[in-house]
Amino acid sequence: MSIDTSDEWLRRWREYFLAWYDEGRVEEKANEAIEFAIPYLDEGMVSVSGGKDSMAMLHMLASAKRDLTVFHWDHGKWLIPREVENEILRNITTVAPHCRLITRQYSLGESEMSRYVWAPWYREFFTTLKSLGFKYHLLGVRADESHKRKARGRVVHKSGWVEVHPIYNFTWRDVWAYVFKHNVPIPSVYFRYAELLGWDKVRLVTFFDREFEKYGAPQIDSVLSWRWRNNP
């Protein structure tokens, strides 16, 4: 990840997160996450959205197993602009160059309608996960993201597979500290959005997606990513 250290705001935050790496005992948490995940890797698939959480998790697990099986879901050009999607794919292969990368694209992702109708997305996504036939799916879910995610626990038995959350006990500070400490590549849009939303709130989500209207995401996108509104 290339960070412009001439940016004073970013430089100061980088120093903060590097200090937190030791203060928050992030290395201990990372080693524990790896140890926890190892039994699931041979029969499991690591799901990577390309966001900071899944990329930090991938970096940890790639240190334990070179030939990971990695799954990436491509939302399509209207939800994830191709500039961002290409960056995500480069980042995955940089962090896990020996992985077996499986990608699938949302069938409605080539249509602008995907920004407004999201029920088919969920059906297709989970149907795809089930069809891949892996016993375990490892995801970068964290307890402090929401009460709903906290309630799910670290291992969740689904219909057809078991969902495993290696970095479940990581905080947002822990993840950012790990990203900066290990230079984990993440989409560059994070830094633009973090300055507006705050490091604790910023997430990689679909752009101009009306599903997130209640959070104001489409309005924020209109300010920060206006060029992608009609030219994905």
Protein backbone atom coordinates (compact mmCIF):
# COMPACT_ATOMS: atom_id res chain seq x y z
CA MET A 1 0.00 0.00 0.00
CA SER A 2 1.47 3.34 -1.00
CA ILE A 3 0.68 6.09 1.50
CA ASP A 4 1.49 9.70 0.77
CA THR A 5 3.40 10.64 3.91
CA SER A 6 3.35 14.28 2.80
CA ASP A 7 -0.30 14.27 3.83
CA GLU A 8 -0.02 15.47 7.43
CA TRP A 9 -3.47 14.24 8.42
CA LEU A 10 -2.75 10.72 7.22
CA ARG A 11 0.77 10.69 8.63
CA ARG A 12 -0.46 11.55 12.12
CA TRP A 13 -3.14 8.86 12.03
CA ARG A 14 -0.62 6.33 10.80
CA GLU A 15 1.57 7.10 13.81
CA TYR A 16 -1.43 6.67 16.09
CA PHE A 17 -2.35 3.26 14.69
CA LEU A 18 1.25 2.03 14.79
CA ALA A 19 1.36 3.02 18.47
CA TRP A 20 -1.94 1.21 19.02
CA TYR A 21 -0.49 -1.95 17.47
CA ASP A 22 1.57 -2.49 20.61
CA GLU A 23 -0.80 -0.88 23.09
CA GLY A 24 -3.75 -2.92 21.85
CA ARG A 25 -1.76 -6.17 21.72
CA VAL A 26 -2.74 -6.56 18.09
CA GLU A 27 0.05 -9.01 17.27
CA GLU A 28 -1.23 -11.36 20.00
CA LYS A 29 -4.75 -11.13 18.58
CA ALA A 30 -3.47 -11.82 15.08
CA ASN A 31 -1.54 -14.90 16.18
CA GLU A 32 -4.60 -16.16 18.03
CA ALA A 33 -6.78 -15.58 14.96
CA ILE A 34 -4.37 -17.58 12.81
CA GLU A 35 -4.24 -20.44 15.31
CA PHE A 36 -8.03 -20.43 15.55
CA ALA A 37 -8.47 -20.50 11.75
CA ILE A 38 -5.92 -23.19 10.84
CA PRO A 39 -8.21 -26.20 11.48
CA TYR A 40 -10.74 -24.78 9.02
CA LEU A 41 -8.44 -23.90 6.12
CA ASP A 42 -8.05 -27.26 4.36
CA GLU A 43 -11.79 -27.66 3.88
CA GLY A 44 -12.54 -23.97 3.88
CA MET A 45 -12.76 -20.98 1.63
CA VAL A 46 -11.67 -17.48 2.64
CA SER A 47 -14.26 -14.94 1.50
CA VAL A 48 -12.64 -11.61 0.63
CA SER A 49 -14.65 -8.54 -0.25
CA GLY A 50 -11.52 -6.47 -0.63
CA GLY A 51 -12.34 -4.26 2.34
CA LYS A 52 -9.96 -3.60 5.22
CA ASP A 53 -11.30 -6.39 7.46
CA SER A 54 -11.21 -9.17 4.90
CA MET A 55 -7.82 -8.03 3.57
CA ALA A 56 -6.31 -7.97 7.06
CA MET A 57 -7.72 -11.46 7.66
CA LEU A 58 -6.37 -12.68 4.31
CA HIS A 59 -2.91 -11.35 5.17
CA MET A 60 -2.94 -13.28 8.44
CA LEU A 61 -4.16 -16.53 6.92
CA ALA A 62 -1.83 -16.36 3.92
CA SER A 63 1.07 -16.48 6.39
CA ALA A 64 -0.25 -19.82 7.65
CA LYS A 65 -1.21 -21.46 4.34
CA ARG A 66 0.23 -20.51 0.95
CA ASP A 67 -2.36 -22.25 -1.20
CA LEU A 68 -5.49 -20.80 0.33
CA THR A 69 -8.77 -21.01 -1.54
CA VAL A 70 -10.09 -17.46 -1.79
CA PHE A 71 -13.55 -16.43 -2.93
CA HIS A 72 -14.35 -12.94 -4.19
CA TRP A 73 -17.82 -11.75 -5.16
CA ASP A 74 -17.87 -9.10 -7.88
CA HIS A 75 -20.93 -6.88 -7.41
CA GLY A 76 -20.75 -5.62 -10.99
CA LYS A 77 -19.86 -2.25 -12.47
CA TRP A 78 -22.86 -0.28 -11.19
CA LEU A 79 -22.21 -1.19 -7.55
CA ILE A 80 -18.42 -1.38 -7.58
CA PRO A 81 -16.73 0.75 -10.28
CA ARG A 82 -14.21 -1.17 -12.35
CA GLU A 83 -11.38 1.02 -11.07
CA VAL A 84 -12.07 -0.16 -7.53
CA GLU A 85 -12.75 -3.77 -8.54
CA ASN A 86 -9.45 -4.02 -10.42
CA GLU A 87 -7.63 -2.60 -7.42
CA ILE A 88 -9.27 -5.21 -5.17
CA LEU A 89 -8.17 -8.08 -7.40
CA ARG A 90 -4.62 -6.76 -7.52
CA ASN A 91 -4.57 -6.45 -3.75
CA ILE A 92 -5.79 -10.02 -3.24
CA THR A 93 -3.12 -11.50 -5.50
CA THR A 94 -0.46 -9.30 -3.88
CA VAL A 95 -1.31 -10.53 -0.39
CA ALA A 96 -1.91 -14.17 -1.38
CA PRO A 97 0.00 -14.77 -4.64
CA HIS A 98 -0.26 -18.57 -4.39
CA CYS A 99 -3.97 -18.71 -3.60
CA ARG A 100 -6.62 -20.38 -5.70
CA LEU A 101 -8.85 -17.41 -6.47
CA ILE A 102 -12.50 -18.09 -7.27
CA THR A 103 -14.57 -15.15 -8.52
CA ARG A 104 -18.23 -14.88 -9.38
CA GLN A 105 -20.08 -11.84 -10.67
CA TYR A 106 -23.57 -10.80 -9.70
CA SER A 107 -25.79 -11.44 -12.72
CA LEU A 108 -27.57 -8.07 -12.37
CA GLY A 109 -24.35 -6.17 -11.78
CA GLU A 110 -24.24 -4.91 -15.36
CA SER A 111 -27.58 -3.16 -14.88
CA GLU A 112 -28.14 0.17 -13.11
CA MET A 113 -31.21 -1.47 -11.56
CA SER A 114 -28.86 -3.29 -9.16
CA ARG A 115 -28.54 -0.02 -7.23
CA TYR A 116 -32.25 0.02 -6.45
CA VAL A 117 -33.35 -3.63 -6.09
CA TRP A 118 -31.22 -5.64 -3.70
CA ALA A 119 -33.30 -8.70 -2.75
CA PRO A 120 -32.01 -10.70 -5.77
CA TRP A 121 -28.44 -9.92 -4.70
CA TYR A 122 -28.84 -11.74 -1.38
CA ARG A 123 -30.53 -14.75 -2.95
CA GLU A 124 -27.86 -15.10 -5.62
CA PHE A 125 -24.95 -14.51 -3.26
CA PHE A 126 -25.94 -17.16 -0.73
CA THR A 127 -26.99 -19.60 -3.44
CA THR A 128 -23.53 -19.16 -4.96
CA LEU A 129 -21.80 -19.77 -1.63
CA LYS A 130 -23.74 -22.98 -1.15
CA SER A 131 -23.05 -24.16 -4.71
CA LEU A 132 -19.28 -23.91 -4.26
CA GLY A 133 -19.43 -26.87 -1.91
CA PHE A 134 -16.97 -25.83 0.80
CA LYS A 135 -17.57 -26.97 4.36
CA TYR A 136 -16.26 -23.77 5.97
CA HIS A 137 -16.48 -20.15 4.90
CA LEU A 138 -14.07 -17.80 6.67
CA LEU A 139 -15.17 -14.17 6.78
CA GLY A 140 -13.76 -10.98 8.30
CA VAL A 141 -16.80 -10.40 10.53
CA ARG A 142 -16.11 -8.48 13.76
CA ALA A 143 -18.25 -8.28 16.90
CA ASP A 144 -17.90 -4.52 17.30
CA GLU A 145 -19.38 -3.77 13.87
CA SER A 146 -22.94 -4.15 15.12
CA HIS A 147 -25.05 -5.83 17.80
CA LYS A 148 -26.35 -8.20 15.14
CA ARG A 149 -22.85 -9.34 14.20
CA LYS A 150 -21.84 -9.65 17.84
CA ALA A 151 -24.84 -11.91 18.46
CA ARG A 152 -23.84 -14.23 15.62
CA GLY A 153 -20.77 -15.47 17.46
CA ARG A 154 -17.45 -16.71 16.14
CA VAL A 155 -18.69 -19.94 14.56
CA VAL A 156 -22.14 -20.01 12.95
CA HIS A 157 -23.76 -23.14 11.52
CA LYS A 158 -25.61 -22.31 8.33
CA SER A 159 -27.69 -24.46 6.00
CA GLY A 160 -25.02 -26.14 3.92
CA TRP A 161 -21.85 -24.73 5.47
CA VAL A 162 -20.26 -23.36 8.64
CA GLU A 163 -19.38 -19.66 8.86
CA VAL A 164 -16.12 -18.93 10.71
CA HIS A 165 -14.97 -15.50 11.93
CA PRO A 166 -11.22 -15.50 12.76
CA ILE A 167 -10.96 -11.76 13.59
CA TYR A 168 -14.26 -11.67 15.49
CA ASN A 169 -12.64 -10.03 18.56
CA PHE A 170 -10.77 -7.33 16.60
CA THR A 171 -11.81 -3.72 17.10
CA TRP A 172 -11.74 -1.13 14.33
CA ARG A 173 -8.51 0.21 15.86
CA ASP A 174 -6.97 -3.25 15.79
CA VAL A 175 -7.76 -3.68 12.09
CA TRP A 176 -6.36 -0.31 11.09
CA ALA A 177 -3.28 -0.91 13.24
CA TYR A 178 -2.72 -4.25 11.50
CA VAL A 179 -3.21 -2.69 8.05
CA PHE A 180 -0.67 0.08 8.69
CA LYS A 181 1.83 -2.15 10.51
CA HIS A 182 1.93 -4.76 7.74
CA ASN A 183 1.28 -2.44 4.78
CA VAL A 184 -1.78 -4.46 3.81
CA PRO A 185 -3.06 -3.11 0.48
CA ILE A 186 -6.62 -1.83 0.57
CA PRO A 187 -8.67 0.25 -1.90
CA SER A 188 -7.41 3.83 -1.98
CA VAL A 189 -10.97 5.19 -1.65
CA TYR A 190 -10.78 4.30 2.04
CA PHE A 191 -8.53 7.24 2.81
CA ARG A 192 -10.83 9.74 1.12
CA TYR A 193 -13.89 8.40 2.90
CA ALA A 194 -12.15 8.03 6.28
CA GLU A 195 -11.34 11.73 6.36
CA LEU A 196 -15.05 12.56 6.09
CA LEU A 197 -16.67 9.69 8.01
CA GLY A 198 -13.97 8.82 10.57
CA TRP A 199 -11.79 5.73 10.81
CA ASP A 200 -14.33 3.96 13.01
CA LYS A 201 -17.18 4.36 10.52
CA VAL A 202 -15.59 3.95 7.11
CA ARG A 203 -16.36 0.72 5.28
CA LEU A 204 -16.05 -0.54 1.73
CA VAL A 205 -19.65 -0.80 0.57
CA THR A 206 -21.39 -0.68 -2.78
CA PHE A 207 -21.53 2.79 -4.33
CA PHE A 208 -24.77 4.75 -4.83
CA ASP A 209 -26.62 1.79 -3.36
CA ARG A 210 -30.14 2.68 -2.21
CA GLU A 211 -30.05 -0.19 0.28
CA PHE A 212 -27.86 2.08 2.41
CA GLU A 213 -30.05 5.16 2.00
CA LYS A 214 -30.80 5.24 5.74
CA TYR A 215 -27.09 5.73 6.43
CA GLY A 216 -26.82 8.51 3.88
CA ALA A 217 -24.34 6.55 1.78
CA PRO A 218 -25.68 7.60 -1.67
CA GLN A 219 -25.49 11.27 -0.64
CA ILE A 220 -21.90 10.86 0.58
CA ASP A 221 -21.02 9.05 -2.63
CA SER A 222 -22.48 11.98 -4.60
CA VAL A 223 -19.93 14.28 -2.95
CA LEU A 224 -16.86 12.03 -2.89
CA SER A 225 -17.40 9.75 -5.89
CA TRP A 226 -19.66 11.77 -8.17
CA ARG A 227 -17.70 10.72 -11.26
CA TRP A 228 -18.95 7.15 -10.80
CA ARG A 229 -22.65 8.00 -10.66
CA ASN A 230 -23.32 7.66 -14.38
CA ASN A 231 -19.96 6.35 -15.55
CA PRO A 232 -19.19 3.19 -13.53
